[in-house]
C-alpha atoms as a PDB file:
ATOM      1  CA  MET A   1      15.031  -7.355   3.313  1.00  0.00           C
ATOM      2  CA  TYR A   2      11.314  -8.368   3.180  1.00  0.00           C
ATOM      3  CA  ASN A   3       9.334  -6.894   0.647  1.00  0.00           C
ATOM      4  CA  LEU A   4       6.288  -8.832  -0.341  1.00  0.00           C
ATOM      5  CA  LEU A   5       4.226  -6.535  -3.195  1.00  0.00           C
ATOM      6  CA  PHE A   6       1.070  -7.655  -4.721  1.00  0.00           C
ATOM      7  CA  THR A   7       0.150  -6.074  -8.080  1.00  0.00           C
ATOM      8  CA  ASN A   8      -2.868  -7.039 -10.066  1.00  0.00           C
ATOM      9  CA  GLU A   9      -4.792  -5.995 -13.066  1.00  0.00           C
ATOM     10  CA  LYS A  10      -6.325  -2.266 -13.698  1.00  0.00           C
ATOM     11  CA  GLY A  11      -9.563  -2.383 -12.371  1.00  0.00           C
ATOM     12  CA  SER A  12      -9.743  -5.103 -10.887  1.00  0.00           C
ATOM     13  CA  ASN A  13      -9.136  -4.688  -6.281  1.00  0.00           C
ATOM     14  CA  LEU A  14      -7.982  -8.792  -5.794  1.00  0.00           C
ATOM     15  CA  SER A  15      -4.583  -6.931  -4.660  1.00  0.00           C
ATOM     16  CA  GLU A  16      -6.442  -5.265  -1.827  1.00  0.00           C
ATOM     17  CA  GLU A  17      -8.831  -7.773  -0.582  1.00  0.00           C
ATOM     18  CA  LEU A  18      -5.758  -9.986  -0.398  1.00  0.00           C
ATOM     19  CA  LEU A  19      -4.062  -7.698   1.794  1.00  0.00           C
ATOM     20  CA  HIS A  20      -7.234  -7.068   4.053  1.00  0.00           C
ATOM     21  CA  ASP A  21      -6.962 -10.606   4.526  1.00  0.00           C
ATOM     22  CA  LEU A  22      -3.352 -11.193   5.586  1.00  0.00           C
ATOM     23  CA  ILE A  23      -3.712  -8.561   7.900  1.00  0.00           C
ATOM     24  CA  GLU A  24      -6.286 -10.606   9.796  1.00  0.00           C
ATOM     25  CA  HIS A  25      -4.236 -13.448   9.655  1.00  0.00           C
ATOM     26  CA  ILE A  26      -1.370 -11.503  10.994  1.00  0.00           C
ATOM     27  CA  ASP A  27      -0.496 -11.552  15.360  1.00  0.00           C
ATOM     28  CA  CYS A  28       2.263  -8.770  15.512  1.00  0.00           C
ATOM     29  CA  THR A  29       2.392  -5.017  15.258  1.00  0.00           C
ATOM     30  CA  ILE A  30       1.139  -3.386  12.177  1.00  0.00           C
ATOM     31  CA  GLY A  31       1.877   0.256  10.400  1.00  0.00           C
ATOM     32  CA  GLY A  32       1.837   2.127   7.534  1.00  0.00           C
ATOM     33  CA  TYR A  33      -1.416   2.965   5.848  1.00  0.00           C
ATOM     34  CA  LEU A  34      -4.514   1.650   3.347  1.00  0.00           C
ATOM     35  CA  VAL A  35      -5.595   3.967   0.720  1.00  0.00           C
ATOM     36  CA  LYS A  36      -9.459   3.756   0.773  1.00  0.00           C
ATOM     37  CA  ALA A  37     -11.783   4.956  -1.701  1.00  0.00           C
ATOM     38  CA  VAL A  38     -14.634   6.675  -0.671  1.00  0.00           C
ATOM     39  CA  LYS A  39     -17.530   6.858  -3.514  1.00  0.00           C
ATOM     40  CA  ASP A  40     -20.171   8.717  -4.268  1.00  0.00           C
ATOM     41  CA  LYS A  41     -23.848   8.898  -3.086  1.00  0.00           C
ATOM     42  CA  SER A  42     -24.879   6.425  -5.726  1.00  0.00           C
ATOM     43  CA  ASN A  43     -21.441   4.193  -4.860  1.00  0.00           C
ATOM     44  CA  GLU A  44     -20.677   3.983  -8.162  1.00  0.00           C
ATOM     45  CA  ASN A  45     -17.907   6.418  -9.112  1.00  0.00           C
ATOM     46  CA  ILE A  46     -14.876   7.162  -6.510  1.00  0.00           C
ATOM     47  CA  ILE A  47     -14.740  11.183  -5.271  1.00  0.00           C
ATOM     48  CA  THR A  48     -11.597  10.968  -2.737  1.00  0.00           C
ATOM     49  CA  PHE A  49      -8.589   8.930  -1.942  1.00  0.00           C
ATOM     50  CA  ASP A  50      -8.023   8.980   1.884  1.00  0.00           C
ATOM     51  CA  LEU A  51      -4.702   7.821   3.759  1.00  0.00           C
ATOM     52  CA  THR A  52      -5.432   5.797   6.236  1.00  0.00           C
ATOM     53  CA  SER A  53      -2.924   5.536   8.730  1.00  0.00           C
ATOM     54  CA  LEU A  54      -2.826   1.937  10.183  1.00  0.00           C
ATOM     55  CA  TYR A  55      -0.159   3.356  13.132  1.00  0.00           C
ATOM     56  CA  ASP A  56      -3.282   5.165  14.836  1.00  0.00           C
ATOM     57  CA  GLY A  57      -6.288   4.780  12.743  1.00  0.00           C
ATOM     58  CA  GLU A  58      -6.186   8.026  11.772  1.00  0.00           C
ATOM     59  CA  GLU A  59      -8.507   9.133   8.609  1.00  0.00           C
ATOM     60  CA  GLY A  60      -9.530  11.775   6.745  1.00  0.00           C
ATOM     61  CA  ASN A  61      -5.970  12.602   4.879  1.00  0.00           C
ATOM     62  CA  ILE A  62      -7.803  13.199   1.827  1.00  0.00           C
ATOM     63  CA  PHE A  63      -4.685  12.798  -0.569  1.00  0.00           C
ATOM     64  CA  LEU A  64      -6.503  12.618  -4.186  1.00  0.00           C
ATOM     65  CA  GLU A  65     -10.161  14.378  -5.170  1.00  0.00           C
ATOM     66  CA  ILE A  66     -11.895  13.416  -8.317  1.00  0.00           C
ATOM     67  CA  ASP A  67     -14.795  15.880  -9.255  1.00  0.00           C
ATOM     68  CA  ASP A  68     -17.908  13.752  -9.675  1.00  0.00           C
ATOM     69  CA  PHE A  69     -19.235  16.150 -12.750  1.00  0.00           C
ATOM     70  CA  THR A  70     -16.229  16.599 -14.470  1.00  0.00           C
ATOM     71  CA  GLY A  71     -13.996  13.508 -13.495  1.00  0.00           C
ATOM     72  CA  ILE A  72     -10.852  16.323 -13.214  1.00  0.00           C
ATOM     73  CA  SER A  73      -9.004  15.264  -9.926  1.00  0.00           C
ATOM     74  CA  LYS A  74      -6.818  17.047  -7.803  1.00  0.00           C
ATOM     75  CA  LEU A  75      -3.691  15.957  -6.102  1.00  0.00           C
ATOM     76  CA  ASN A  76      -2.854  17.482  -2.677  1.00  0.00           C
ATOM     77  CA  PRO A  77       1.113  16.030  -2.596  1.00  0.00           C
ATOM     78  CA  SER A  78       1.308  17.385   0.860  1.00  0.00           C
ATOM     79  CA  ILE A  79      -1.187  15.039   2.692  1.00  0.00           C
ATOM     80  CA  LEU A  80       1.550  12.669   1.704  1.00  0.00           C
ATOM     81  CA  GLU A  81       4.198  14.913   2.627  1.00  0.00           C
ATOM     82  CA  VAL A  82       3.489  16.037   5.895  1.00  0.00           C
ATOM     83  CA  LYS A  83       0.819  12.969   7.090  1.00  0.00           C
ATOM     84  CA  GLY A  84       2.371  10.194   4.892  1.00  0.00           C
ATOM     85  CA  VAL A  85       6.220  10.718   5.989  1.00  0.00           C
ATOM     86  CA  GLU A  86       4.655  10.938   9.730  1.00  0.00           C
ATOM     87  CA  ILE A  87       2.620   7.707   9.182  1.00  0.00           C
ATOM     88  CA  LEU A  88       6.292   6.157   7.752  1.00  0.00           C
ATOM     89  CA  ARG A  89       8.214   7.443  10.237  1.00  0.00           C
ATOM     90  CA  LYS A  90       5.914   6.646  13.682  1.00  0.00           C
ATOM     91  CA  SER A  91       5.025   2.750  12.112  1.00  0.00           C
ATOM     92  CA  PHE A  92       9.151   2.357  10.998  1.00  0.00           C
ATOM     93  CA  ALA A  93       9.953   3.559  14.687  1.00  0.00           C
ATOM     94  CA  SER A  94       7.559   0.848  16.415  1.00  0.00           C
ATOM     95  CA  ARG A  95       6.069  -1.783  14.606  1.00  0.00           C
ATOM     96  CA  GLU A  96       7.022  -4.864  13.449  1.00  0.00           C
ATOM     97  CA  LEU A  97       5.624  -4.860  10.264  1.00  0.00           C
ATOM     98  CA  ILE A  98       4.520  -1.792   7.547  1.00  0.00           C
ATOM     99  CA  ILE A  99       1.477  -2.147   5.354  1.00  0.00           C
ATOM    100  CA  MET A 100       1.870   0.254   2.198  1.00  0.00           C
ATOM    101  CA  ASP A 101      -1.470  -0.034   0.052  1.00  0.00           C
ATOM    102  CA  GLU A 102      -0.419   1.182  -2.379  1.00  0.00           C
ATOM    103  CA  ILE A 103       2.677   2.336  -4.089  1.00  0.00           C
ATOM    104  CA  GLY A 104       1.763   4.670  -7.164  1.00  0.00           C
ATOM    105  CA  TYR A 105       2.888   6.912  -9.317  1.00  0.00           C
ATOM    106  CA  PHE A 106       1.722   9.806  -7.085  1.00  0.00           C
ATOM    107  CA  GLU A 107       4.867   9.292  -5.672  1.00  0.00           C
ATOM    108  CA  PRO A 108       7.160  11.532  -7.330  1.00  0.00           C
ATOM    109  CA  LYS A 109       4.772  14.331  -6.478  1.00  0.00           C
ATOM    110  CA  ALA A 110       5.735  14.044  -2.867  1.00  0.00           C
ATOM    111  CA  PRO A 111       9.146  13.411  -3.028  1.00  0.00           C
ATOM    112  CA  GLN A 112      10.099  13.156   0.845  1.00  0.00           C
ATOM    113  CA  PHE A 113       7.139  10.289   0.760  1.00  0.00           C
ATOM    114  CA  ALA A 114       8.788   8.764  -2.103  1.00  0.00           C
ATOM    115  CA  ARG A 115      12.465   8.482  -0.464  1.00  0.00           C
ATOM    116  CA  ASP A 116      10.622   7.015   2.966  1.00  0.00           C
ATOM    117  CA  VAL A 117       9.147   4.086   1.595  1.00  0.00           C
ATOM    118  CA  PHE A 118      12.745   3.384  -0.253  1.00  0.00           C
ATOM    119  CA  ARG A 119      14.109   3.823   3.024  1.00  0.00           C
ATOM    120  CA  ILE A 120      11.577   1.410   4.087  1.00  0.00           C
ATOM    121  CA  LEU A 121      11.880  -1.150   1.888  1.00  0.00           C
ATOM    122  CA  ASP A 122      15.766  -1.086   2.040  1.00  0.00           C
ATOM    123  CA  SER A 123      15.585  -1.827   6.201  1.00  0.00           C
ATOM    124  CA  ASN A 124      15.136  -5.178   7.612  1.00  0.00           C
ATOM    125  CA  LYS A 125      11.370  -4.084   8.457  1.00  0.00           C
ATOM    126  CA  VAL A 126       8.961  -6.657   6.619  1.00  0.00           C
ATOM    127  CA  VAL A 127       6.691  -4.705   4.150  1.00  0.00           C
ATOM    128  CA  LEU A 128       3.588  -6.281   2.420  1.00  0.00           C
ATOM    129  CA  GLY A 129       1.745  -3.791  -0.114  1.00  0.00           C
ATOM    130  CA  ILE A 130       0.533  -3.365  -3.600  1.00  0.00           C
ATOM    131  CA  LEU A 131       2.015  -1.909  -6.664  1.00  0.00           C
ATOM    132  CA  GLU A 132      -0.210   0.094  -8.844  1.00  0.00           C
ATOM    133  CA  ALA A 133      -0.936  -1.856 -12.187  1.00  0.00           C
ATOM    134  CA  LYS A 134       0.750   1.382 -14.232  1.00  0.00           C
ATOM    135  CA  LYS A 135       4.215   2.504 -15.434  1.00  0.00           C
ATOM    136  CA  CYS A 136       6.160   5.152 -14.424  1.00  0.00           C
ATOM    137  CA  ASN A 137      10.041   5.429 -13.369  1.00  0.00           C
ATOM    138  CA  TYR A 138       8.907   5.303  -9.879  1.00  0.00           C
ATOM    139  CA  ILE A 139       7.298   1.782 -10.172  1.00  0.00           C
ATOM    140  CA  ASN A 140       9.543   0.834 -12.757  1.00  0.00           C
ATOM    141  CA  SER A 141      12.096   1.457  -9.673  1.00  0.00           C
ATOM    142  CA  VAL A 142      10.189  -0.430  -6.931  1.00  0.00           C
ATOM    143  CA  ILE A 143       9.919  -3.706 -10.002  1.00  0.00           C
ATOM    144  CA  ALA A 144      14.050  -3.402 -10.742  1.00  0.00           C
ATOM    145  CA  ARG A 145      14.170  -4.072  -6.948  1.00  0.00           C
ATOM    146  CA  GLU A 146      15.933  -7.478  -6.330  1.00  0.00           C
ATOM    147  CA  ASP A 147      14.693  -7.391  -2.835  1.00  0.00           C
ATOM    148  CA  VAL A 148      11.496  -7.140  -3.555  1.00  0.00           C
ATOM    149  CA  ILE A 149       9.133 -10.290  -4.305  1.00  0.00           C
ATOM    150  CA  ILE A 150       6.152  -8.605  -6.398  1.00  0.00           C
ATOM    151  CA  LEU A 151       3.273 -11.351  -6.971  1.00  0.00           C
ATOM    152  CA  LYS A 152       0.456 -11.103  -9.461  1.00  0.00           C
ATOM    153  CA  VAL A 153      -2.858 -11.727  -8.184  1.00  0.00           C
ATOM    154  CA  THR A 154      -5.798 -13.113 -10.242  1.00  0.00           C
ATOM    155  CA  SER A 155      -9.162 -14.575  -9.783  1.00  0.00           C
ATOM    156  CA  ASP A 156      -7.452 -17.893 -11.104  1.00  0.00           C
ATOM    157  CA  ASN A 157      -4.405 -17.450  -8.590  1.00  0.00           C
ATOM    158  CA  LEU A 158      -5.407 -15.845  -5.654  1.00  0.00           C
ATOM    159  CA  HIS A 159      -5.727 -18.898  -2.984  1.00  0.00           C
ATOM    160  CA  GLN A 160      -2.145 -20.002  -4.206  1.00  0.00           C
ATOM    161  CA  VAL A 161      -0.912 -16.447  -3.425  1.00  0.00           C
ATOM    162  CA  LYS A 162      -2.431 -16.261  -0.600  1.00  0.00           C
ATOM    163  CA  GLU A 163      -0.496 -19.693   1.019  1.00  0.00           C
ATOM    164  CA  GLN A 164       2.212 -18.420  -0.719  1.00  0.00           C
ATOM    165  CA  ALA A 165       2.035 -14.921   0.989  1.00  0.00           C
ATOM    166  CA  LEU A 166       1.638 -17.105   4.380  1.00  0.00           C
ATOM    167  CA  GLN A 167       4.708 -19.114   3.928  1.00  0.00           C
ATOM    168  CA  LEU A 168       7.038 -16.420   3.106  1.00  0.00           C
ATOM    169  CA  LEU A 169       5.385 -14.362   6.299  1.00  0.00           C
ATOM    170  CA  LYS A 170       6.119 -17.634   8.665  1.00  0.00           C
ATOM    171  CA  LYS A 171       9.906 -18.022   7.235  1.00  0.00           C
ATOM    172  CA  TRP A 172      10.604 -14.133   8.204  1.00  0.00           C
ATOM    173  CA  ASP A 173       9.408 -14.749  11.243  1.00  0.00           C
ATOM    174  CA  VAL A 174       6.105 -13.186  11.430  1.00  0.00           C
ATOM    175  CA  LYS A 175       3.238 -14.351  14.113  1.00  0.00           C
ATOM    176  CA  ILE A 176       0.152 -15.784  12.185  1.00  0.00           C
ATOM    177  CA  LYS A 177      -2.999 -16.051  14.099  1.00  0.00           C
END
């Protein structure tokens, strides 16, 4: 299996920056999803999380909303169960590399989505992703897998992790620009 996941300290977005940088270097068909955080008018607080398809570019799949006033989060697991599953299945069927940004603690609330994530990790597809820096049974089960390489990204090792990731991708026969 060819699974490479990045993680970082809570509050850091270095893994996301690295993943986006790597996507620009990859020269093959890409599927999967990115999670885009949408901020409020002042650009200070995140108010929604959008599951954006790399299969077809579709956006607007808001699976989490955060009330700007109270800070209370409202999860919509049906977005993961319907759109997330659709994105993963279509990507798996027709793309060479799958992006999963991010794998986290919401997956157990969307059991079919969680199963499809594991089905892809079990496959021979190349997977690049981000593993949320929180502890829960689902994340722990990803960490425990012997077929997953997890690299922690810090400001001190960002360049080295990028080079290591590019070398792994080349070793796994992923075309690099």
